PDB file of N, CA and C in Angstrom:
ATOM      1  N   MET A   1      23.623  37.073 -35.476  1.00  0.00           N
ATOM      2  CA  MET A   1      23.229  36.189 -34.386  1.00  0.00           C
ATOM      3  C   MET A   1      24.022  34.890 -34.468  1.00  0.00           C
ATOM      4  N   PRO A   2      24.526  34.432 -33.358  1.00  0.00           N
ATOM      5  CA  PRO A   2      25.224  33.147 -33.356  1.00  0.00           C
ATOM      6  C   PRO A   2      24.258  32.000 -33.657  1.00  0.00           C
ATOM      7  N   SER A   3      24.809  30.910 -34.180  1.00  0.00           N
ATOM      8  CA  SER A   3      23.966  29.777 -34.586  1.00  0.00           C
ATOM      9  C   SER A   3      23.227  29.148 -33.409  1.00  0.00           C
ATOM     10  N   ASP A   4      23.826  29.171 -32.202  1.00  0.00           N
ATOM     11  CA  ASP A   4      23.129  28.592 -31.051  1.00  0.00           C
ATOM     12  C   ASP A   4      21.885  29.404 -30.693  1.00  0.00           C
ATOM     13  N   MET A   5      21.907  30.694 -30.988  1.00  0.00           N
ATOM     14  CA  MET A   5      20.727  31.519 -30.741  1.00  0.00           C
ATOM     15  C   MET A   5      19.608  31.142 -31.721  1.00  0.00           C
ATOM     16  N   TYR A   6      19.982  30.880 -32.978  1.00  0.00           N
ATOM     17  CA  TYR A   6      19.000  30.420 -33.961  1.00  0.00           C
ATOM     18  C   TYR A   6      18.407  29.082 -33.544  1.00  0.00           C
ATOM     19  N   GLU A   7      19.267  28.185 -33.082  1.00  0.00           N
ATOM     20  CA  GLU A   7      18.790  26.867 -32.651  1.00  0.00           C
ATOM     21  C   GLU A   7      17.792  26.997 -31.510  1.00  0.00           C
ATOM     22  N   GLU A   8      18.064  27.884 -30.570  1.00  0.00           N
ATOM     23  CA  GLU A   8      17.151  28.092 -29.450  1.00  0.00           C
ATOM     24  C   GLU A   8      15.810  28.644 -29.933  1.00  0.00           C
ATOM     25  N   LYS A   9      15.851  29.604 -30.837  1.00  0.00           N
ATOM     26  CA  LYS A   9      14.606  30.182 -31.372  1.00  0.00           C
ATOM     27  C   LYS A   9      13.807  29.137 -32.144  1.00  0.00           C
ATOM     28  N   ILE A  10      14.477  28.313 -32.922  1.00  0.00           N
ATOM     29  CA  ILE A  10      13.796  27.249 -33.664  1.00  0.00           C
ATOM     30  C   ILE A  10      13.186  26.250 -32.700  1.00  0.00           C
ATOM     31  N   HIS A  11      13.891  25.937 -31.623  1.00  0.00           N
ATOM     32  CA  HIS A  11      13.361  25.012 -30.617  1.00  0.00           C
ATOM     33  C   HIS A  11      12.081  25.570 -29.989  1.00  0.00           C
ATOM     34  N   VAL A  12      12.087  26.836 -29.633  1.00  0.00           N
ATOM     35  CA  VAL A  12      10.904  27.464 -29.028  1.00  0.00           C
ATOM     36  C   VAL A  12       9.739  27.462 -30.015  1.00  0.00           C
ATOM     37  N   ILE A  13      10.001  27.824 -31.260  1.00  0.00           N
ATOM     38  CA  ILE A  13       8.944  27.822 -32.275  1.00  0.00           C
ATOM     39  C   ILE A  13       8.392  26.414 -32.462  1.00  0.00           C
ATOM     40  N   THR A  14       9.257  25.418 -32.443  1.00  0.00           N
ATOM     41  CA  THR A  14       8.827  24.026 -32.601  1.00  0.00           C
ATOM     42  C   THR A  14       7.903  23.607 -31.471  1.00  0.00           C
ATOM     43  N   ILE A  15       8.201  24.017 -30.256  1.00  0.00           N
ATOM     44  CA  ILE A  15       7.344  23.694 -29.109  1.00  0.00           C
ATOM     45  C   ILE A  15       5.946  24.263 -29.328  1.00  0.00           C
ATOM     46  N   TYR A  16       5.874  25.522 -29.689  1.00  0.00           N
ATOM     47  CA  TYR A  16       4.567  26.142 -29.932  1.00  0.00           C
ATOM     48  C   TYR A  16       3.850  25.478 -31.102  1.00  0.00           C
ATOM     49  N   ALA A  17       4.573  25.233 -32.179  1.00  0.00           N
ATOM     50  CA  ALA A  17       3.961  24.624 -33.367  1.00  0.00           C
ATOM     51  C   ALA A  17       3.418  23.235 -33.053  1.00  0.00           C
ATOM     52  N   ASN A  18       4.146  22.453 -32.272  1.00  0.00           N
ATOM     53  CA  ASN A  18       3.671  21.111 -31.922  1.00  0.00           C
ATOM     54  C   ASN A  18       2.423  21.165 -31.057  1.00  0.00           C
ATOM     55  N   ASP A  19       2.382  22.068 -30.107  1.00  0.00           N
ATOM     56  CA  ASP A  19       1.185  22.197 -29.268  1.00  0.00           C
ATOM     57  C   ASP A  19      -0.006  22.693 -30.084  1.00  0.00           C
ATOM     58  N   ILE A  20       0.241  23.623 -30.986  1.00  0.00           N
ATOM     59  CA  ILE A  20      -0.839  24.111 -31.850  1.00  0.00           C
ATOM     60  C   ILE A  20      -1.335  22.987 -32.747  1.00  0.00           C
ATOM     61  N   TYR A  21      -0.419  22.202 -33.273  1.00  0.00           N
ATOM     62  CA  TYR A  21      -0.791  21.063 -34.115  1.00  0.00           C
ATOM     63  C   TYR A  21      -1.655  20.074 -33.334  1.00  0.00           C
ATOM     64  N   LYS A  22      -1.249  19.755 -32.110  1.00  0.00           N
ATOM     65  CA  LYS A  22      -2.028  18.816 -31.286  1.00  0.00           C
ATOM     66  C   LYS A  22      -3.428  19.351 -31.013  1.00  0.00           C
ATOM     67  N   ALA A  23      -3.532  20.638 -30.812  1.00  0.00           N
ATOM     68  CA  ALA A  23      -4.841  21.230 -30.516  1.00  0.00           C
ATOM     69  C   ALA A  23      -5.721  21.343 -31.755  1.00  0.00           C
ATOM     70  N   LEU A  24      -5.155  21.777 -32.868  1.00  0.00           N
ATOM     71  CA  LEU A  24      -5.972  22.070 -34.040  1.00  0.00           C
ATOM     72  C   LEU A  24      -6.161  20.888 -34.977  1.00  0.00           C
ATOM     73  N   TRP A  25      -5.156  20.068 -35.124  1.00  0.00           N
ATOM     74  CA  TRP A  25      -5.235  18.999 -36.120  1.00  0.00           C
ATOM     75  C   TRP A  25      -5.538  17.650 -35.488  1.00  0.00           C
ATOM     76  N   SER A  26      -4.866  17.328 -34.402  1.00  0.00           N
ATOM     77  CA  SER A  26      -5.041  16.015 -33.775  1.00  0.00           C
ATOM     78  C   SER A  26      -6.186  15.981 -32.780  1.00  0.00           C
ATOM     79  N   ASN A  27      -6.703  17.147 -32.410  1.00  0.00           N
ATOM     80  CA  ASN A  27      -7.773  17.241 -31.408  1.00  0.00           C
ATOM     81  C   ASN A  27      -7.384  16.572 -30.093  1.00  0.00           C
ATOM     82  N   GLU A  28      -6.130  16.756 -29.707  1.00  0.00           N
ATOM     83  CA  GLU A  28      -5.632  16.181 -28.458  1.00  0.00           C
ATOM     84  C   GLU A  28      -4.940  17.226 -27.579  1.00  0.00           C
ATOM     85  N   PRO A  29      -5.526  18.389 -27.389  1.00  0.00           N
ATOM     86  CA  PRO A  29      -4.835  19.396 -26.594  1.00  0.00           C
ATOM     87  C   PRO A  29      -4.676  18.999 -25.133  1.00  0.00           C
ATOM     88  N   PHE A  30      -5.605  18.203 -24.622  1.00  0.00           N
ATOM     89  CA  PHE A  30      -5.543  17.823 -23.215  1.00  0.00           C
ATOM     90  C   PHE A  30      -4.844  16.480 -23.026  1.00  0.00           C
ATOM     91  N   SER A  31      -5.236  15.460 -23.790  1.00  0.00           N
ATOM     92  CA  SER A  31      -4.666  14.131 -23.573  1.00  0.00           C
ATOM     93  C   SER A  31      -3.190  14.060 -23.949  1.00  0.00           C
ATOM     94  N   ALA A  32      -2.736  14.918 -24.852  1.00  0.00           N
ATOM     95  CA  ALA A  32      -1.327  14.919 -25.243  1.00  0.00           C
ATOM     96  C   ALA A  32      -0.533  15.985 -24.490  1.00  0.00           C
ATOM     97  N   ARG A  33      -1.081  16.475 -23.394  1.00  0.00           N
ATOM     98  CA  ARG A  33      -0.466  17.599 -22.689  1.00  0.00           C
ATOM     99  C   ARG A  33       0.914  17.277 -22.133  1.00  0.00           C
ATOM    100  N   LYS A  34       1.178  16.022 -21.761  1.00  0.00           N
ATOM    101  CA  LYS A  34       2.464  15.691 -21.138  1.00  0.00           C
ATOM    102  C   LYS A  34       3.622  15.777 -22.120  1.00  0.00           C
ATOM    103  N   THR A  35       3.335  15.645 -23.404  1.00  0.00           N
ATOM    104  CA  THR A  35       4.394  15.759 -24.405  1.00  0.00           C
ATOM    105  C   THR A  35       4.479  17.169 -24.963  1.00  0.00           C
ATOM    106  N   GLY A  36       3.595  18.032 -24.530  1.00  0.00           N
ATOM    107  CA  GLY A  36       3.595  19.413 -24.994  1.00  0.00           C
ATOM    108  C   GLY A  36       4.219  20.334 -23.976  1.00  0.00           C
ATOM    109  N   ASP A  37       3.857  21.589 -24.062  1.00  0.00           N
ATOM    110  CA  ASP A  37       4.441  22.571 -23.164  1.00  0.00           C
ATOM    111  C   ASP A  37       3.396  23.352 -22.386  1.00  0.00           C
ATOM    112  N   PHE A  38       2.265  23.672 -23.017  1.00  0.00           N
ATOM    113  CA  PHE A  38       1.297  24.571 -22.396  1.00  0.00           C
ATOM    114  C   PHE A  38       0.578  23.971 -21.190  1.00  0.00           C
ATOM    115  N   LEU A  39       0.104  22.758 -21.303  1.00  0.00           N
ATOM    116  CA  LEU A  39      -0.723  22.162 -20.248  1.00  0.00           C
ATOM    117  C   LEU A  39      -0.001  21.084 -19.444  1.00  0.00           C
ATOM    118  N   LYS A  40       1.289  20.912 -19.657  1.00  0.00           N
ATOM    119  CA  LYS A  40       1.996  19.787 -19.045  1.00  0.00           C
ATOM    120  C   LYS A  40       2.104  19.876 -17.525  1.00  0.00           C
ATOM    121  N   ASP A  41       2.020  21.054 -16.959  1.00  0.00           N
ATOM    122  CA  ASP A  41       2.220  21.209 -15.520  1.00  0.00           C
ATOM    123  C   ASP A  41       0.928  21.332 -14.721  1.00  0.00           C
ATOM    124  N   LEU A  42      -0.176  20.877 -15.294  1.00  0.00           N
ATOM    125  CA  LEU A  42      -1.433  20.907 -14.532  1.00  0.00           C
ATOM    126  C   LEU A  42      -1.318  20.002 -13.312  1.00  0.00           C
ATOM    127  N   SER A  43      -1.839  20.473 -12.201  1.00  0.00           N
ATOM    128  CA  SER A  43      -1.756  19.686 -10.973  1.00  0.00           C
ATOM    129  C   SER A  43      -2.699  18.488 -11.028  1.00  0.00           C
ATOM    130  N   LYS A  44      -2.418  17.490 -10.209  1.00  0.00           N
ATOM    131  CA  LYS A  44      -3.263  16.297 -10.145  1.00  0.00           C
ATOM    132  C   LYS A  44      -4.681  16.677  -9.737  1.00  0.00           C
ATOM    133  N   LYS A  45      -4.821  17.655  -8.837  1.00  0.00           N
ATOM    134  CA  LYS A  45      -6.150  18.087  -8.404  1.00  0.00           C
ATOM    135  C   LYS A  45      -6.959  18.633  -9.580  1.00  0.00           C
ATOM    136  N   VAL A  46      -6.333  19.446 -10.403  1.00  0.00           N
ATOM    137  CA  VAL A  46      -7.035  20.001 -11.568  1.00  0.00           C
ATOM    138  C   VAL A  46      -7.448  18.879 -12.507  1.00  0.00           C
ATOM    139  N   ILE A  47      -6.553  17.955 -12.760  1.00  0.00           N
ATOM    140  CA  ILE A  47      -6.856  16.830 -13.653  1.00  0.00           C
ATOM    141  C   ILE A  47      -7.993  15.993 -13.089  1.00  0.00           C
ATOM    142  N   ASP A  48      -7.964  15.731 -11.780  1.00  0.00           N
ATOM    143  CA  ASP A  48      -9.043  14.961 -11.149  1.00  0.00           C
ATOM    144  C   ASP A  48     -10.375  15.709 -11.214  1.00  0.00           C
ATOM    145  N   ASP A  49     -10.338  17.016 -10.969  1.00  0.00           N
ATOM    146  CA  ASP A  49     -11.567  17.820 -11.022  1.00  0.00           C
ATOM    147  C   ASP A  49     -12.181  17.840 -12.420  1.00  0.00           C
ATOM    148  N   LEU A  50     -11.344  17.748 -13.425  1.00  0.00           N
ATOM    149  CA  LEU A  50     -11.819  17.800 -14.807  1.00  0.00           C
ATOM    150  C   LEU A  50     -11.991  16.411 -15.419  1.00  0.00           C
ATOM    151  N   GLY A  51     -11.857  15.390 -14.596  1.00  0.00           N
ATOM    152  CA  GLY A  51     -11.889  14.017 -15.087  1.00  0.00           C
ATOM    153  C   GLY A  51     -13.150  13.609 -15.809  1.00  0.00           C
ATOM    154  N   ASP A  52     -14.287  14.185 -15.452  1.00  0.00           N
ATOM    155  CA  ASP A  52     -15.542  13.783 -16.097  1.00  0.00           C
ATOM    156  C   ASP A  52     -15.857  14.614 -17.343  1.00  0.00           C
ATOM    157  N   CYS A  53     -14.965  15.512 -17.709  1.00  0.00           N
ATOM    158  CA  CYS A  53     -15.148  16.321 -18.928  1.00  0.00           C
ATOM    159  C   CYS A  53     -14.341  15.706 -20.069  1.00  0.00           C
ATOM    160  N   ASP A  54     -14.846  15.809 -21.258  1.00  0.00           N
ATOM    161  CA  ASP A  54     -14.088  15.406 -22.437  1.00  0.00           C
ATOM    162  C   ASP A  54     -13.364  16.647 -22.947  1.00  0.00           C
ATOM    163  N   LEU A  55     -12.247  16.957 -22.297  1.00  0.00           N
ATOM    164  CA  LEU A  55     -11.560  18.210 -22.595  1.00  0.00           C
ATOM    165  C   LEU A  55     -10.996  18.264 -24.003  1.00  0.00           C
ATOM    166  N   ASP A  56     -10.619  17.121 -24.558  1.00  0.00           N
ATOM    167  CA  ASP A  56     -10.127  17.149 -25.933  1.00  0.00           C
ATOM    168  C   ASP A  56     -11.205  17.669 -26.872  1.00  0.00           C
ATOM    169  N   SER A  57     -12.436  17.225 -26.682  1.00  0.00           N
ATOM    170  CA  SER A  57     -13.536  17.731 -27.520  1.00  0.00           C
ATOM    171  C   SER A  57     -13.856  19.180 -27.188  1.00  0.00           C
ATOM    172  N   LEU A  58     -13.852  19.497 -25.910  1.00  0.00           N
ATOM    173  CA  LEU A  58     -14.195  20.860 -25.502  1.00  0.00           C
ATOM    174  C   LEU A  58     -13.160  21.881 -25.971  1.00  0.00           C
ATOM    175  N   LEU A  59     -11.892  21.470 -26.027  1.00  0.00           N
ATOM    176  CA  LEU A  59     -10.827  22.381 -26.433  1.00  0.00           C
ATOM    177  C   LEU A  59     -10.515  22.313 -27.926  1.00  0.00           C
ATOM    178  N   SER A  60     -11.205  21.464 -28.649  1.00  0.00           N
ATOM    179  CA  SER A  60     -10.960  21.303 -30.084  1.00  0.00           C
ATOM    180  C   SER A  60     -11.458  22.520 -30.852  1.00  0.00           C
ATOM    181  N   ILE A  61     -10.624  23.032 -31.720  1.00  0.00           N
ATOM    182  CA  ILE A  61     -10.998  24.212 -32.506  1.00  0.00           C
ATOM    183  C   ILE A  61     -12.170  23.904 -33.424  1.00  0.00           C
ATOM    184  N   SER A  62     -12.293  22.666 -33.874  1.00  0.00           N
ATOM    185  CA  SER A  62     -13.379  22.337 -34.807  1.00  0.00           C
ATOM    186  C   SER A  62     -14.743  22.387 -34.132  1.00  0.00           C
ATOM    187  N   ASN A  63     -14.773  22.369 -32.810  1.00  0.00           N
ATOM    188  CA  ASN A  63     -16.032  22.475 -32.079  1.00  0.00           C
ATOM    189  C   ASN A  63     -16.304  23.892 -31.571  1.00  0.00           C
ATOM    190  N   HIS A  64     -15.445  24.813 -31.910  1.00  0.00           N
ATOM    191  CA  HIS A  64     -15.602  26.182 -31.432  1.00  0.00           C
ATOM    192  C   HIS A  64     -16.646  26.916 -32.269  1.00  0.00           C
ATOM    193  N   TYR A  65     -17.493  27.672 -31.608  1.00  0.00           N
ATOM    194  CA  TYR A  65     -18.574  28.358 -32.314  1.00  0.00           C
ATOM    195  C   TYR A  65     -18.064  29.380 -33.336  1.00  0.00           C
ATOM    196  N   ALA A  66     -16.852  29.851 -33.183  1.00  0.00           N
ATOM    197  CA  ALA A  66     -16.312  30.812 -34.152  1.00  0.00           C
ATOM    198  C   ALA A  66     -16.053  30.163 -35.514  1.00  0.00           C
ATOM    199  N   ILE A  67     -15.915  28.858 -35.537  1.00  0.00           N
ATOM    200  CA  ILE A  67     -15.647  28.130 -36.780  1.00  0.00           C
ATOM    201  C   ILE A  67     -16.940  27.802 -37.525  1.00  0.00           C
ATOM    202  N   LEU A  68     -18.053  27.741 -36.817  1.00  0.00           N
ATOM    203  CA  LEU A  68     -19.317  27.320 -37.432  1.00  0.00           C
ATOM    204  C   LEU A  68     -19.712  28.113 -38.680  1.00  0.00           C
ATOM    205  N   PRO A  69     -19.586  29.440 -38.706  1.00  0.00           N
ATOM    206  CA  PRO A  69     -19.954  30.155 -39.940  1.00  0.00           C
ATOM    207  C   PRO A  69     -19.127  29.715 -41.147  1.00  0.00           C
ATOM    208  N   TYR A  70     -17.856  29.404 -40.915  1.00  0.00           N
ATOM    209  CA  TYR A  70     -17.005  28.958 -42.012  1.00  0.00           C
ATOM    210  C   TYR A  70     -17.425  27.577 -42.495  1.00  0.00           C
ATOM    211  N   LYS A  71     -17.694  26.691 -41.556  1.00  0.00           N
ATOM    212  CA  LYS A  71     -18.156  25.352 -41.928  1.00  0.00           C
ATOM    213  C   LYS A  71     -19.465  25.437 -42.710  1.00  0.00           C
ATOM    214  N   TYR A  72     -20.369  26.253 -42.236  1.00  0.00           N
ATOM    215  CA  TYR A  72     -21.669  26.411 -42.888  1.00  0.00           C
ATOM    216  C   TYR A  72     -21.495  26.974 -44.306  1.00  0.00           C
ATOM    217  N   THR A  73     -20.694  28.021 -44.426  1.00  0.00           N
ATOM    218  CA  THR A  73     -20.496  28.661 -45.726  1.00  0.00           C
ATOM    219  C   THR A  73     -19.845  27.710 -46.719  1.00  0.00           C
ATOM    220  N   LEU A  74     -18.818  27.001 -46.285  1.00  0.00           N
ATOM    221  CA  LEU A  74     -18.155  26.047 -47.180  1.00  0.00           C
ATOM    222  C   LEU A  74     -19.117  24.955 -47.621  1.00  0.00           C
ATOM    223  N   ASN A  75     -19.935  24.490 -46.690  1.00  0.00           N
ATOM    224  CA  ASN A  75     -20.910  23.454 -47.014  1.00  0.00           C
ATOM    225  C   ASN A  75     -21.943  23.977 -48.013  1.00  0.00           C
ATOM    226  N   LYS A  76     -22.430  25.190 -47.805  1.00  0.00           N
ATOM    227  CA  LYS A  76     -23.414  25.791 -48.711  1.00  0.00           C
ATOM    228  C   LYS A  76     -22.833  26.021 -50.110  1.00  0.00           C
ATOM    229  N   MET A  77     -21.530  26.222 -50.182  1.00  0.00           N
ATOM    230  CA  MET A  77     -20.872  26.414 -51.472  1.00  0.00           C
ATOM    231  C   MET A  77     -20.613  25.085 -52.184  1.00  0.00           C
ATOM    232  N   GLY A  78     -20.963  23.991 -51.525  1.00  0.00           N
ATOM    233  CA  GLY A  78     -20.769  22.678 -52.129  1.00  0.00           C
ATOM    234  C   GLY A  78     -19.426  22.053 -51.838  1.00  0.00           C
ATOM    235  N   LEU A  79     -18.674  22.636 -50.938  1.00  0.00           N
ATOM    236  CA  LEU A  79     -17.373  22.079 -50.569  1.00  0.00           C
ATOM    237  C   LEU A  79     -17.553  21.179 -49.350  1.00  0.00           C
ATOM    238  N   ASP A  80     -17.591  19.904 -49.593  1.00  0.00           N
ATOM    239  CA  ASP A  80     -17.758  18.950 -48.496  1.00  0.00           C
ATOM    240  C   ASP A  80     -16.391  18.632 -47.904  1.00  0.00           C
ATOM    241  N   ILE A  81     -16.046  19.356 -46.881  1.00  0.00           N
ATOM    242  CA  ILE A  81     -14.769  19.160 -46.195  1.00  0.00           C
ATOM    243  C   ILE A  81     -15.095  18.568 -44.834  1.00  0.00           C
ATOM    244  N   ASN A  82     -15.188  17.248 -44.796  1.00  0.00           N
ATOM    245  CA  ASN A  82     -15.609  16.574 -43.571  1.00  0.00           C
ATOM    246  C   ASN A  82     -14.490  15.805 -42.893  1.00  0.00           C
ATOM    247  N   THR A  83     -13.421  15.541 -43.604  1.00  0.00           N
ATOM    248  CA  THR A  83     -12.332  14.751 -43.032  1.00  0.00           C
ATOM    249  C   THR A  83     -11.030  15.539 -43.103  1.00  0.00           C
ATOM    250  N   LYS A  84     -10.035  15.040 -42.419  1.00  0.00           N
ATOM    251  CA  LYS A  84      -8.721  15.668 -42.476  1.00  0.00           C
ATOM    252  C   LYS A  84      -8.112  15.515 -43.867  1.00  0.00           C
ATOM    253  N   GLU A  85      -8.434  14.411 -44.531  1.00  0.00           N
ATOM    254  CA  GLU A  85      -7.940  14.210 -45.893  1.00  0.00           C
ATOM    255  C   GLU A  85      -8.528  15.272 -46.831  1.00  0.00           C
ATOM    256  N   ASP A  86      -9.814  15.574 -46.647  1.00  0.00           N
ATOM    257  CA  ASP A  86     -10.444  16.641 -47.437  1.00  0.00           C
ATOM    258  C   ASP A  86      -9.754  17.978 -47.179  1.00  0.00           C
ATOM    259  N   THR A  87      -9.433  18.222 -45.930  1.00  0.00           N
ATOM    260  CA  THR A  87      -8.760  19.463 -45.558  1.00  0.00           C
ATOM    261  C   THR A  87      -7.393  19.554 -46.219  1.00  0.00           C
ATOM    262  N   MET A  88      -6.655  18.444 -46.201  1.00  0.00           N
ATOM    263  CA  MET A  88      -5.329  18.426 -46.828  1.00  0.00           C
ATOM    264  C   MET A  88      -5.433  18.673 -48.332  1.00  0.00           C
ATOM    265  N   ALA A  89      -6.420  18.061 -48.972  1.00  0.00           N
ATOM    266  CA  ALA A  89      -6.593  18.260 -50.415  1.00  0.00           C
ATOM    267  C   ALA A  89      -6.924  19.716 -50.724  1.00  0.00           C
ATOM    268  N   MET A  90      -7.787  20.322 -49.937  1.00  0.00           N
ATOM    269  CA  MET A  90      -8.151  21.728 -50.132  1.00  0.00           C
ATOM    270  C   MET A  90      -6.923  22.621 -49.928  1.00  0.00           C
ATOM    271  N   ALA A  91      -6.153  22.340 -48.890  1.00  0.00           N
ATOM    272  CA  ALA A  91      -4.954  23.134 -48.626  1.00  0.00           C
ATOM    273  C   ALA A  91      -3.936  22.978 -49.756  1.00  0.00           C
ATOM    274  N   LEU A  92      -3.807  21.768 -50.275  1.00  0.00           N
ATOM    275  CA  LEU A  92      -2.850  21.508 -51.348  1.00  0.00           C
ATOM    276  C   LEU A  92      -3.134  22.380 -52.567  1.00  0.00           C
ATOM    277  N   TYR A  93      -4.389  22.511 -52.922  1.00  0.00           N
ATOM    278  CA  TYR A  93      -4.747  23.236 -54.139  1.00  0.00           C
ATOM    279  C   TYR A  93      -4.958  24.733 -53.953  1.00  0.00           C
ATOM    280  N   TYR A  94      -5.388  25.160 -52.771  1.00  0.00           N
ATOM    281  CA  TYR A  94      -5.778  26.561 -52.615  1.00  0.00           C
ATOM    282  C   TYR A  94      -4.980  27.354 -51.579  1.00  0.00           C
ATOM    283  N   PHE A  95      -4.378  26.682 -50.628  1.00  0.00           N
ATOM    284  CA  PHE A  95      -3.699  27.380 -49.537  1.00  0.00           C
ATOM    285  C   PHE A  95      -2.316  26.783 -49.334  1.00  0.00           C
ATOM    286  N   SER A  96      -1.371  27.192 -50.156  1.00  0.00           N
ATOM    287  CA  SER A  96      -0.048  26.565 -50.143  1.00  0.00           C
ATOM    288  C   SER A  96       0.668  26.729 -48.803  1.00  0.00           C
ATOM    289  N   ALA A  97       0.515  27.866 -48.140  1.00  0.00           N
ATOM    290  CA  ALA A  97       1.184  28.066 -46.849  1.00  0.00           C
ATOM    291  C   ALA A  97       0.615  27.127 -45.789  1.00  0.00           C
ATOM    292  N   VAL A  98      -0.703  26.943 -45.792  1.00  0.00           N
ATOM    293  CA  VAL A  98      -1.334  26.010 -44.849  1.00  0.00           C
ATOM    294  C   VAL A  98      -0.888  24.591 -45.160  1.00  0.00           C
ATOM    295  N   ASN A  99      -0.849  24.243 -46.441  1.00  0.00           N
ATOM    296  CA  ASN A  99      -0.411  22.913 -46.842  1.00  0.00           C
ATOM    297  C   ASN A  99       1.022  22.647 -46.386  1.00  0.00           C
ATOM    298  N   GLU A 100       1.889  23.617 -46.563  1.00  0.00           N
ATOM    299  CA  GLU A 100       3.282  23.467 -46.148  1.00  0.00           C
ATOM    300  C   GLU A 100       3.388  23.277 -44.634  1.00  0.00           C
ATOM    301  N   PHE A 101       2.603  24.041 -43.878  1.00  0.00           N
ATOM    302  CA  PHE A 101       2.607  23.916 -42.419  1.00  0.00           C
ATOM    303  C   PHE A 101       2.141  22.525 -41.991  1.00  0.00           C
ATOM    304  N   LEU A 102       1.023  22.059 -42.548  1.00  0.00           N
ATOM    305  CA  LEU A 102       0.489  20.748 -42.177  1.00  0.00           C
ATOM    306  C   LEU A 102       1.412  19.623 -42.616  1.00  0.00           C
ATOM    307  N   ALA A 103       2.008  19.760 -43.788  1.00  0.00           N
ATOM    308  CA  ALA A 103       2.899  18.720 -44.304  1.00  0.00           C
ATOM    309  C   ALA A 103       4.127  18.546 -43.418  1.00  0.00           C
ATOM    310  N   ALA A 104       4.555  19.599 -42.761  1.00  0.00           N
ATOM    311  CA  ALA A 104       5.731  19.514 -41.892  1.00  0.00           C
ATOM    312  C   ALA A 104       5.529  18.515 -40.764  1.00  0.00           C
ATOM    313  N   PHE A 105       4.295  18.283 -40.357  1.00  0.00           N
ATOM    314  CA  PHE A 105       4.019  17.364 -39.266  1.00  0.00           C
ATOM    315  C   PHE A 105       3.851  15.932 -39.745  1.00  0.00           C
ATOM    316  N   HIS A 106       3.697  15.747 -41.044  1.00  0.00           N
ATOM    317  CA  HIS A 106       3.476  14.410 -41.581  1.00  0.00           C
ATOM    318  C   HIS A 106       4.723  13.824 -42.221  1.00  0.00           C
ATOM    319  N   ASP A 107       5.787  14.596 -42.334  1.00  0.00           N
ATOM    320  CA  ASP A 107       7.030  14.111 -42.952  1.00  0.00           C
ATOM    321  C   ASP A 107       7.954  13.509 -41.927  1.00  0.00           C
TER     322      ASP A 107
END
């Protein structure tokens, strides 16, 4: 593969990774939409119709019911992971791939 093809693939992956980061880590999937790719082309009408909703909270993965069993189980095990710093510390020691992914956004 030519190097320009690699550059294009890396660019596409970066776009997805940044949007995923905004949604999962920063809890800004909606408010940061103009700098992302997925939600950037929402019409003014849609934005106005959704104006009274807190879409960042509604679209946040940490508020999704699928995550609740994990939060509950970790809490019952005595792992108090309440902040992003706690999450980073847990990833550093137990989940090296997750730690590497998260660290890429902080460097």
